[in-house]
């Protein structure tokens, strides 16, 4: 029950963020950045139909299709967000917070990305154009990214027809920014350093890393192809802020040490933030 309540709070927060993005930042500037919300903005201009009604009707059809073609689990993961979204869109004020279109697009896109990332972290969805690509993949083998591109592309083209060339490019820019921010959030904001050190003085280097930096160290036996001599490679993961101290330690004991450094997005396990999301 506790996990379910946490998930529900996350979904509500995400739906609120999407609704704020649409009603206060994207919608007032006619930026229909794909999806059902973009279609709602377009239909509101074309037919005077409240965007919440369009979203509700479209999500109803999509939920039915999800139940029939994708199964009960996908339906249950979608139904809460799909029902809440048109309700929140209806009651959150449709106001223009920022008059500058570019700034409004940027803020709205970032809010949309954060909200969508919260949904994905909770294995949830608000329906929209995210489900039809899954149906196309299941029955026709079409890659979901292509299916999403097609479904969102239809909305973007309608944006060009109904609004203007400027709105069209703002919508494309919004989709791109949302995708980049989501990718950054999902791959990890706090970057770590994975360092591999090959040295003839591995023991004092290892000891000082453990004592001074308080980091765990893994020793991996390696053999150089030229000399065929076995050595110990030091492998250590740390925060970026400690990287310079590590280099000082290595150079103090062996200024000829061979060092390879990778930047990693997420590290799971003791001593680091454990995240059950995807790596």
Protein backbone atom coordinates (compact mmCIF):
# COMPACT_ATOMS: atom_id res chain seq x y z
CA UNK A 1 0.00 0.00 0.00
CA UNK A 2 2.87 2.38 0.82
CA UNK A 3 4.48 1.78 -2.58
CA UNK A 4 1.14 2.30 -4.30
CA UNK A 5 0.56 5.61 -2.48
CA UNK A 6 4.07 6.82 -3.39
CA UNK A 7 3.42 5.86 -7.00
CA UNK A 8 0.07 7.67 -6.95
CA UNK A 9 1.65 10.84 -5.54
CA UNK A 10 4.29 10.67 -8.27
CA UNK A 11 1.65 10.29 -10.99
CA UNK A 12 -0.39 13.20 -9.62
CA UNK A 13 2.73 15.40 -9.46
CA UNK A 14 3.65 14.43 -13.03
CA UNK A 15 0.15 15.08 -14.40
CA UNK A 16 0.15 18.45 -12.62
CA UNK A 17 3.46 19.33 -14.26
CA UNK A 18 2.22 18.35 -17.72
CA UNK A 19 -0.96 20.37 -17.24
CA UNK A 20 0.96 23.43 -16.06
CA UNK A 21 3.32 23.11 -19.02
CA UNK A 22 0.44 22.95 -21.50
CA UNK A 23 -1.92 25.52 -19.98
CA UNK A 24 0.57 28.13 -18.80
CA UNK A 25 3.57 27.90 -21.14
CA UNK A 26 2.98 26.02 -24.41
CA UNK A 27 -0.74 26.46 -25.07
CA UNK A 28 -0.89 30.26 -24.68
CA UNK A 29 1.70 30.57 -27.47
CA UNK A 30 0.07 27.96 -29.76
CA UNK A 31 2.95 25.52 -29.34
CA UNK A 32 1.42 22.11 -30.04
CA UNK A 33 4.45 19.96 -29.25
CA UNK A 34 3.05 16.62 -30.35
CA UNK A 35 0.96 14.19 -28.34
CA UNK A 36 -2.67 14.35 -27.33
CA UNK A 37 -2.14 17.65 -25.50
CA UNK A 38 -0.85 19.19 -28.73
CA UNK A 39 -3.87 17.83 -30.56
CA UNK A 40 -6.09 19.37 -27.88
CA UNK A 41 -4.51 22.79 -28.43
CA UNK A 42 -5.04 22.50 -32.21
CA UNK A 43 -8.66 21.33 -31.98
CA UNK A 44 -9.43 24.12 -29.53
CA UNK A 45 -8.35 26.65 -32.16
CA UNK A 46 -9.98 24.86 -35.10
CA UNK A 47 -13.34 23.97 -33.57
CA UNK A 48 -13.56 25.92 -30.32
CA UNK A 49 -13.60 22.60 -28.45
CA UNK A 50 -12.12 22.70 -24.95
CA UNK A 51 -8.74 20.94 -25.04
CA UNK A 52 -9.68 18.80 -22.02
CA UNK A 53 -12.57 17.27 -23.96
CA UNK A 54 -10.30 16.32 -26.86
CA UNK A 55 -7.77 14.78 -24.49
CA UNK A 56 -10.48 12.88 -22.59
CA UNK A 57 -12.08 11.48 -25.75
CA UNK A 58 -8.79 10.54 -27.38
CA UNK A 59 -7.46 8.92 -24.22
CA UNK A 60 -10.69 6.96 -23.86
CA UNK A 61 -10.17 5.41 -27.30
CA UNK A 62 -6.49 4.80 -26.63
CA UNK A 63 -7.22 3.13 -23.27
CA UNK A 64 -9.70 0.82 -24.95
CA UNK A 65 -7.10 -0.08 -27.58
CA UNK A 66 -4.49 -0.66 -24.86
CA UNK A 67 -6.81 -3.05 -23.02
CA UNK A 68 -7.65 -4.97 -26.20
CA UNK A 69 -4.21 -5.10 -27.80
CA UNK A 70 -1.61 -4.59 -25.05
CA UNK A 71 -3.18 -6.37 -22.10
CA UNK A 72 -4.31 -5.60 -18.57
CA UNK A 73 -0.93 -4.57 -17.13
CA UNK A 74 -0.29 -1.84 -19.69
CA UNK A 75 -3.89 -0.67 -19.31
CA UNK A 76 -3.61 -0.38 -15.51
CA UNK A 77 -0.29 1.49 -15.77
CA UNK A 78 -1.97 4.02 -18.06
CA UNK A 79 -5.52 4.42 -16.78
CA UNK A 80 -4.82 6.68 -13.76
CA UNK A 81 -2.71 9.20 -15.67
CA UNK A 82 -5.01 9.10 -18.70
CA UNK A 83 -8.06 9.91 -16.56
CA UNK A 84 -6.36 12.56 -14.42
CA UNK A 85 -4.78 14.48 -17.32
CA UNK A 86 -7.97 15.91 -18.89
CA UNK A 87 -9.33 16.74 -15.43
CA UNK A 88 -6.20 18.67 -14.51
CA UNK A 89 -6.09 20.32 -17.94
CA UNK A 90 -9.68 21.45 -17.39
CA UNK A 91 -9.18 23.02 -13.96
CA UNK A 92 -5.62 24.37 -14.03
CA UNK A 93 -5.89 28.00 -15.27
CA UNK A 94 -5.06 28.68 -18.92
CA UNK A 95 -2.92 31.77 -18.44
CA UNK A 96 0.17 33.20 -20.13
CA UNK A 97 2.87 33.27 -17.47
CA UNK A 98 5.61 34.49 -19.82
CA UNK A 99 5.00 36.78 -22.79
CA UNK A 100 8.26 35.87 -24.51
CA UNK A 101 7.49 32.86 -26.72
CA UNK A 102 11.02 31.44 -26.74
CA UNK A 103 11.39 31.60 -22.96
CA UNK A 104 7.92 30.17 -22.46
CA UNK A 105 8.74 27.29 -24.81
CA UNK A 106 11.97 26.54 -22.94
CA UNK A 107 10.36 26.57 -19.50
CA UNK A 108 7.35 24.58 -20.65
CA UNK A 109 9.54 21.95 -22.32
CA UNK A 110 11.71 21.49 -19.23
CA UNK A 111 8.64 21.12 -17.01
CA UNK A 112 7.19 18.61 -19.48
CA UNK A 113 10.44 16.60 -19.46
CA UNK A 114 10.60 16.47 -15.67
CA UNK A 115 6.96 15.41 -15.44
CA UNK A 116 7.34 12.73 -18.11
CA UNK A 117 10.47 11.37 -16.37
CA UNK A 118 8.50 11.04 -13.13
CA UNK A 119 5.83 9.09 -15.00
CA UNK A 120 8.38 6.73 -16.56
CA UNK A 121 10.07 6.21 -13.20
CA UNK A 122 6.71 5.04 -11.87
CA UNK A 123 6.09 2.84 -14.93
CA UNK A 124 3.05 4.97 -15.72
CA UNK A 125 1.73 6.97 -18.65
CA UNK A 126 -0.94 9.53 -19.49
CA UNK A 127 -1.89 7.63 -22.63
CA UNK A 128 -1.68 9.90 -25.64
CA UNK A 129 0.61 9.06 -28.53
CA UNK A 130 2.87 6.81 -26.43
CA UNK A 131 0.60 3.75 -26.69
CA UNK A 132 -0.20 3.47 -30.43
CA UNK A 133 3.52 2.88 -31.25
CA UNK A 134 3.52 -0.07 -28.81
CA UNK A 135 0.53 -1.56 -30.62
CA UNK A 136 2.24 -1.07 -33.99
CA UNK A 137 5.38 -2.79 -32.67
CA UNK A 138 3.47 -5.74 -31.25
CA UNK A 139 1.43 -6.51 -34.36
CA UNK A 140 3.46 -5.08 -37.24
CA UNK A 141 7.03 -5.06 -35.92
CA UNK A 142 7.40 -1.30 -36.39
CA UNK A 143 10.03 0.26 -34.13
CA UNK A 144 8.30 2.30 -31.35
CA UNK A 145 10.51 5.33 -32.06
CA UNK A 146 9.29 5.33 -35.68
CA UNK A 147 5.68 4.92 -34.56
CA UNK A 148 6.03 7.80 -32.11
CA UNK A 149 7.68 9.93 -34.78
CA UNK A 150 4.74 9.29 -37.11
CA UNK A 151 2.03 9.99 -34.53
CA UNK A 152 3.71 13.14 -33.22
CA UNK A 153 4.57 14.15 -36.79
CA UNK A 154 0.87 14.29 -37.68
CA UNK A 155 0.28 16.71 -34.79
CA UNK A 156 3.26 18.84 -35.80
CA UNK A 157 2.04 19.07 -39.39
CA UNK A 158 -1.40 20.14 -38.15
CA UNK A 159 0.37 22.79 -36.07
CA UNK A 160 1.95 24.14 -39.27
CA UNK A 161 -1.41 24.19 -41.07
CA UNK A 162 -3.49 25.68 -38.25
CA UNK A 163 -1.06 28.14 -36.70
CA UNK A 164 2.11 29.38 -38.38
CA UNK A 165 5.61 28.45 -39.48
CA UNK A 166 6.92 29.96 -36.24
CA UNK A 167 4.63 27.76 -34.13
CA UNK A 168 5.73 24.77 -36.20
CA UNK A 169 9.41 25.32 -35.42
CA UNK A 170 8.70 26.14 -31.79
CA UNK A 171 6.84 22.81 -31.51
CA UNK A 172 9.77 20.91 -33.03
CA UNK A 173 12.19 22.71 -30.71
CA UNK A 174 10.00 21.87 -27.73
CA UNK A 175 10.02 18.16 -28.58
CA UNK A 176 13.81 18.20 -28.99
CA UNK A 177 14.40 20.02 -25.69
CA UNK A 178 12.03 17.69 -23.84
CA UNK A 179 13.84 14.64 -25.23
CA UNK A 180 17.28 16.00 -24.30
CA UNK A 181 16.26 16.95 -20.75
CA UNK A 182 14.57 13.58 -20.22
CA UNK A 183 17.66 11.77 -21.43
CA UNK A 184 19.82 13.81 -19.08
CA UNK A 185 17.54 13.10 -16.12
CA UNK A 186 17.32 9.37 -16.86
CA UNK A 187 21.07 8.94 -17.40
CA UNK A 188 21.88 10.59 -14.10
CA UNK A 189 22.55 14.16 -13.10
CA UNK A 190 25.46 13.34 -10.78
CA UNK A 191 28.26 12.02 -12.94
CA UNK A 192 30.84 9.68 -11.46
CA UNK A 193 34.40 8.83 -12.44
CA UNK A 194 35.45 5.25 -13.11
CA UNK A 195 39.27 5.14 -12.97
CA UNK A 196 41.58 2.31 -14.02
CA UNK A 197 45.21 2.53 -12.84
CA UNK A 198 48.08 0.23 -13.85
CA UNK A 199 51.20 0.76 -11.79
CA UNK A 200 54.16 -1.12 -10.32
CA UNK A 201 53.28 0.57 -7.01
CA UNK A 202 49.69 -0.54 -6.68
CA UNK A 203 49.87 -1.35 -2.97
CA UNK A 204 50.74 2.13 -1.60
CA UNK A 205 48.36 3.76 -4.10
CA UNK A 206 45.54 1.43 -3.03
CA UNK A 207 46.19 2.02 0.68
CA UNK A 208 46.16 5.79 0.34
CA UNK A 209 42.97 5.77 -1.78
CA UNK A 210 41.23 3.71 0.90
CA UNK A 211 42.47 5.88 3.78
CA UNK A 212 42.54 9.38 2.34
CA UNK A 213 39.60 9.23 -0.10
CA UNK A 214 37.66 6.57 1.83
CA UNK A 215 36.78 4.76 -1.38
CA UNK A 216 36.62 1.05 -1.99
CA UNK A 217 39.14 -0.35 -4.46
CA UNK A 218 39.04 -3.42 -6.71
CA UNK A 219 42.28 -5.07 -7.82
CA UNK A 220 42.18 -6.80 -11.19
CA UNK A 221 45.06 -9.00 -12.43
CA UNK A 222 46.23 -7.94 -15.90
CA UNK A 223 49.02 -9.04 -18.24
CA UNK A 224 50.81 -6.67 -20.60
CA UNK A 225 51.05 -8.05 -24.14
CA UNK A 226 54.65 -6.79 -24.66
CA UNK A 227 56.41 -7.95 -21.49
CA UNK A 228 53.97 -10.75 -20.61
CA UNK A 229 54.35 -9.60 -17.03
CA UNK A 230 51.39 -9.81 -14.65
CA UNK A 231 50.42 -6.68 -12.78
CA UNK A 232 47.53 -5.45 -10.64
CA UNK A 233 45.13 -2.92 -12.14
CA UNK A 234 43.39 -0.67 -9.64
CA UNK A 235 39.73 0.04 -10.35
CA UNK A 236 37.97 2.73 -8.32
CA UNK A 237 34.73 4.69 -8.69
CA UNK A 238 34.28 8.12 -7.11
CA UNK A 239 32.59 11.49 -7.25
CA UNK A 240 34.08 13.90 -9.78
CA UNK A 241 35.08 16.30 -6.99
CA UNK A 242 37.60 13.72 -5.66
CA UNK A 243 39.19 12.97 -9.02
CA UNK A 244 41.95 15.55 -8.73
CA UNK A 245 42.94 14.19 -5.30
CA UNK A 246 43.15 10.70 -6.81
CA UNK A 247 45.53 11.90 -9.53
CA UNK A 248 47.72 13.55 -6.89
CA UNK A 249 47.90 10.27 -4.95
CA UNK A 250 48.85 8.24 -8.02
CA UNK A 251 51.48 10.71 -9.21
CA UNK A 252 53.02 10.89 -5.75
CA UNK A 253 53.77 7.17 -5.84
CA UNK A 254 54.23 6.63 -9.57
CA UNK A 255 54.40 9.47 -12.09
CA UNK A 256 54.62 6.88 -14.90
CA UNK A 257 51.37 5.12 -13.96
CA UNK A 258 48.96 4.32 -16.78
CA UNK A 259 45.54 5.86 -16.02
CA UNK A 260 42.25 5.46 -17.89
CA UNK A 261 39.21 7.50 -16.81
CA UNK A 262 35.57 7.06 -17.80
CA UNK A 263 32.62 9.26 -16.88
CA UNK A 264 29.64 7.13 -15.84
CA UNK A 265 26.03 8.18 -15.40
CA UNK A 266 24.91 5.97 -12.54
CA UNK A 267 26.54 3.70 -10.01
CA UNK A 268 24.47 1.20 -8.07
CA UNK A 269 25.49 -0.31 -4.77
CA UNK A 270 26.96 0.45 -1.37
CA UNK A 271 28.50 3.89 -1.03
CA UNK A 272 26.50 5.38 -3.89
CA UNK A 273 22.91 6.39 -4.53
CA UNK A 274 20.91 3.28 -5.33
CA UNK A 275 18.36 3.81 -8.07
CA UNK A 276 15.87 1.17 -9.15
CA UNK A 277 15.33 2.91 -12.47
CA UNK A 278 17.01 1.94 -15.68
CA UNK A 279 20.74 2.46 -16.07
